[in-house]
Protein backbone atom coordinates (compact mmCIF):
# COMPACT_ATOMS: atom_id res chain seq x y z
CA VAL A 1 -6.57 -10.88 11.60
CA GLN A 2 -6.44 -7.02 11.30
CA LEU A 3 -4.45 -4.67 9.39
CA GLN A 4 -4.15 -1.06 10.74
CA ALA A 5 -2.98 1.64 8.26
CA SER A 6 -1.89 4.89 9.68
CA GLY A 7 0.42 8.04 8.50
CA GLY A 8 -2.35 9.61 5.80
CA GLY A 9 -3.21 13.18 6.20
CA LEU A 10 -3.46 16.62 4.40
CA VAL A 11 -0.13 17.59 2.58
CA GLN A 12 0.65 20.16 -0.28
CA ALA A 13 1.47 19.02 -3.56
CA GLY A 14 4.98 18.02 -3.88
CA GLY A 15 5.01 17.12 -0.58
CA SER A 16 5.67 13.64 1.32
CA LEU A 17 4.12 11.39 3.57
CA ARG A 18 4.65 7.71 4.78
CA LEU A 19 1.82 5.45 5.23
CA SER A 20 2.59 2.14 7.48
CA CYS A 21 0.36 -0.84 8.02
CA ALA A 22 0.70 -2.94 10.92
CA ALA A 23 -0.57 -6.54 10.96
CA SER A 24 -1.85 -8.58 13.79
CA GLY A 25 -3.29 -11.93 14.35
CA ARG A 26 -1.17 -13.84 12.17
CA THR A 27 2.71 -13.15 10.38
CA PHE A 28 2.70 -12.54 6.61
CA ARG A 29 6.46 -13.01 6.38
CA SER A 30 5.71 -15.22 3.02
CA ASP A 31 2.93 -13.26 1.84
CA ALA A 32 2.38 -10.79 -0.66
CA MET A 33 1.22 -7.36 0.84
CA GLY A 34 0.08 -4.25 -1.30
CA TRP A 35 -1.09 -0.91 -1.31
CA PHE A 36 -4.44 -0.01 -3.10
CA ARG A 37 -6.32 3.50 -3.36
CA THR A 38 -10.17 4.56 -3.91
CA ALA A 39 -10.46 8.25 -5.15
CA PRO A 40 -13.48 9.88 -4.82
CA GLY A 41 -16.15 8.68 -7.61
CA LYS A 42 -13.62 6.13 -9.06
CA GLU A 43 -12.91 2.35 -8.39
CA ARG A 44 -10.27 0.77 -6.23
CA GLU A 45 -7.29 0.72 -7.86
CA PHE A 46 -3.46 -1.02 -7.54
CA VAL A 47 -0.86 1.07 -6.29
CA ALA A 48 2.32 -0.84 -5.22
CA ALA A 49 2.94 -4.26 -3.99
CA ILE A 50 5.86 -6.38 -2.46
CA SER A 51 6.83 -10.08 -2.27
CA GLY A 52 6.72 -11.89 0.91
CA SER A 53 10.77 -11.87 0.73
CA GLY A 54 10.57 -8.19 -0.32
CA GLY A 55 12.71 -9.19 -3.31
CA SER A 56 10.22 -8.37 -6.06
CA THR A 57 8.19 -4.90 -6.11
CA TYR A 58 5.30 -3.78 -8.48
CA TYR A 59 3.78 -0.20 -8.98
CA ALA A 60 1.23 1.54 -10.86
CA ASP A 61 2.64 3.76 -13.60
CA SER A 62 1.08 6.77 -12.02
CA VAL A 63 3.29 6.23 -8.86
CA LYS A 64 6.22 4.69 -10.57
CA GLY A 65 9.27 6.75 -9.47
CA ARG A 66 7.44 8.67 -6.92
CA PHE A 67 6.37 5.90 -4.37
CA THR A 68 8.22 3.41 -2.58
CA ILE A 69 6.63 0.30 -0.74
CA SER A 70 9.23 -1.68 1.54
CA ARG A 71 8.10 -4.19 4.28
CA ASP A 72 9.50 -5.28 7.67
CA ASN A 73 8.87 -9.04 8.45
CA ALA A 74 10.07 -8.78 11.93
CA LYS A 75 7.43 -6.05 12.92
CA ASN A 76 4.94 -7.79 10.56
CA ALA A 77 4.42 -4.51 8.63
CA VAL A 78 4.40 -2.98 5.33
CA TYR A 79 5.28 0.52 4.19
CA LEU A 80 4.47 3.34 1.66
CA ARG A 81 6.61 5.93 0.96
CA MET A 82 5.27 8.80 -0.97
CA ASN A 83 7.04 11.38 -2.48
CA SER A 84 6.25 14.27 -4.99
CA LEU A 85 2.53 13.94 -4.25
CA LYS A 86 0.00 15.43 -6.63
CA PRO A 87 -3.40 16.26 -6.28
CA GLU A 88 -4.47 13.41 -7.99
CA ASP A 89 -2.93 10.95 -5.45
CA THR A 90 -6.04 12.14 -3.17
CA ALA A 91 -7.76 9.05 -2.17
CA VAL A 92 -8.29 6.44 0.54
CA TYR A 93 -5.53 4.38 0.69
CA TYR A 94 -5.78 0.53 1.99
CA CYS A 95 -3.19 -2.05 2.69
CA ALA A 96 -3.99 -5.94 2.18
CA ALA A 97 -2.35 -9.10 2.45
CA SER A 98 -2.61 -12.11 0.60
CA ASP A 99 -2.91 -15.61 2.20
CA GLY A 100 -0.12 -18.16 0.77
CA TYR A 101 0.70 -16.25 -2.30
CA SER A 102 4.02 -15.28 -2.24
CA GLY A 103 3.89 -12.62 -5.04
CA SER A 104 7.30 -13.45 -6.83
CA PHE A 105 5.72 -13.31 -9.90
CA GLY A 106 3.17 -10.30 -9.78
CA ALA A 107 0.79 -9.17 -7.22
CA THR A 108 -1.42 -6.44 -8.38
CA ASP A 109 -4.90 -7.82 -8.94
CA THR A 110 -7.09 -7.63 -5.83
CA ASP A 111 -8.41 -10.89 -6.15
CA LYS A 112 -4.59 -12.30 -4.66
CA TYR A 113 -5.53 -10.47 -1.38
CA VAL A 114 -7.67 -11.63 1.49
CA TYR A 115 -7.03 -9.59 4.15
CA TRP A 116 -7.84 -5.66 3.78
CA GLY A 117 -7.16 -2.64 6.28
CA GLN A 118 -9.67 -0.12 7.19
CA GLY A 119 -8.09 2.62 5.10
CA THR A 120 -6.41 5.78 5.57
CA GLN A 121 -7.21 9.34 3.82
CA VAL A 122 -4.29 10.88 1.83
CA THR A 123 -5.57 14.41 0.44
CA VAL A 124 -3.14 16.31 -1.55
CA SER A 125 -4.03 20.01 -2.13
CA SER A 126 -2.83 22.35 -4.90
């Protein structure tokens, strides 16, 4: 199983990016998927998650209203649209997928996720 994250880059504050995560090796249409990030000198933190059906989404308070998570189960992919980016959003962003957990009642904890992507760097300049 592989999760391939892409779409990171350098952007000015106030700009936008769209991260993509393509899964291969198995399908995740019933499993929660999420995005986490690790900033320099900080521990990995939850960013956003979406249930297997796509009917439930969860966001960290710091990104609520600016980021939108979505998924396309036909493409076995999850996305993170990031608007109004701030310098404090600078981090390596990782996508993750659970195994048998739908995410209908929450999916913010790292222990819900079994598969992790390699990360994509997002740098927001001031």
